[in-house]
Amino acid sequence: MFFFFYVGLKLEKDFYNVQKDKFNISKVPDIYDSIKYDLLHNKDILQFPHTEDLYVCSKALADIVVPQVNTI
């Protein structure tokens, strides 16, 4: 369980830079993949009631950002 928590914290830290007040959109695919993996394989362990909502939002964001990140 600690591993899932650590991965989430690392993704959050890498995605948003507090000092610069900026997001690193290149991390969106990693966030989407992590949420999708956890939804498929660890849903019962995490017991987070809004996992599917989080997946839908992360997929919508990834659908917009991923094509742009891959062209940079």
Protein backbone atom coordinates (compact mmCIF):
# COMPACT_ATOMS: atom_id res chain seq x y z
CA MET A 1 0.00 0.00 0.00
CA PHE A 2 2.88 2.38 0.75
CA PHE A 3 4.17 1.94 -2.80
CA PHE A 4 0.89 3.20 -4.31
CA PHE A 5 0.97 6.21 -2.00
CA TYR A 6 4.61 6.95 -2.83
CA VAL A 7 4.00 6.75 -6.59
CA GLY A 8 1.05 9.13 -6.24
CA LEU A 9 3.08 11.63 -4.23
CA LYS A 10 5.97 11.47 -6.69
CA LEU A 11 3.65 12.05 -9.65
CA GLU A 12 2.03 14.97 -7.86
CA LYS A 13 5.42 16.51 -7.04
CA ASP A 14 6.69 16.03 -10.60
CA PHE A 15 3.46 17.31 -12.16
CA TYR A 16 3.23 20.62 -10.30
CA ASN A 17 6.17 22.86 -9.36
CA VAL A 18 5.15 24.97 -6.37
CA GLN A 19 8.06 27.42 -6.64
CA LYS A 20 7.40 28.15 -10.33
CA ASP A 21 3.61 27.78 -10.00
CA LYS A 22 3.61 25.72 -13.22
CA PHE A 23 2.42 22.32 -14.36
CA ASN A 24 4.62 19.87 -16.23
CA ILE A 25 2.22 18.52 -18.85
CA SER A 26 4.70 15.87 -19.95
CA LYS A 27 3.67 13.98 -16.76
CA VAL A 28 0.00 13.69 -17.84
CA PRO A 29 0.56 10.34 -19.62
CA ASP A 30 2.23 8.95 -16.48
CA ILE A 31 -0.66 10.11 -14.31
CA TYR A 32 -3.23 8.64 -16.70
CA ASP A 33 -1.36 5.32 -16.92
CA SER A 34 -1.02 5.11 -13.14
CA ILE A 35 -4.70 5.79 -12.54
CA LYS A 36 -5.75 3.33 -15.25
CA TYR A 37 -3.46 0.62 -13.85
CA ASP A 38 -4.73 1.13 -10.30
CA LEU A 39 -8.34 1.09 -11.48
CA LEU A 40 -7.79 -2.21 -13.27
CA HIS A 41 -5.56 -3.97 -10.74
CA ASN A 42 -5.81 -2.30 -7.32
CA LYS A 43 -9.31 -0.85 -7.01
CA ASP A 44 -10.22 -3.08 -4.07
CA ILE A 45 -6.98 -2.26 -2.23
CA LEU A 46 -7.18 1.51 -2.61
CA GLN A 47 -10.83 1.84 -1.58
CA PHE A 48 -11.08 5.33 -3.09
CA PRO A 49 -14.73 6.04 -3.92
CA HIS A 50 -13.99 8.46 -6.77
CA THR A 51 -11.47 6.37 -8.70
CA GLU A 52 -13.64 6.08 -11.80
CA ASP A 53 -14.29 9.84 -11.83
CA LEU A 54 -10.56 10.44 -11.51
CA TYR A 55 -9.96 8.06 -14.42
CA VAL A 56 -12.52 9.82 -16.65
CA CYS A 57 -10.96 13.23 -15.92
CA SER A 58 -7.40 12.02 -16.41
CA LYS A 59 -8.36 10.34 -19.70
CA ALA A 60 -10.00 13.53 -20.97
CA LEU A 61 -6.88 15.51 -20.06
CA ALA A 62 -4.59 12.89 -21.60
CA ASP A 63 -6.64 12.86 -24.81
CA ILE A 64 -5.88 16.57 -25.22
CA VAL A 65 -2.33 16.77 -23.87
CA VAL A 66 -0.69 13.55 -25.12
CA PRO A 67 -0.82 14.43 -28.85
CA GLN A 68 0.72 17.82 -28.05
CA VAL A 69 3.45 16.40 -25.81
CA ASN A 70 4.40 13.81 -28.42
CA THR A 71 4.92 16.50 -31.07
CA ILE A 72 7.31 18.59 -28.95
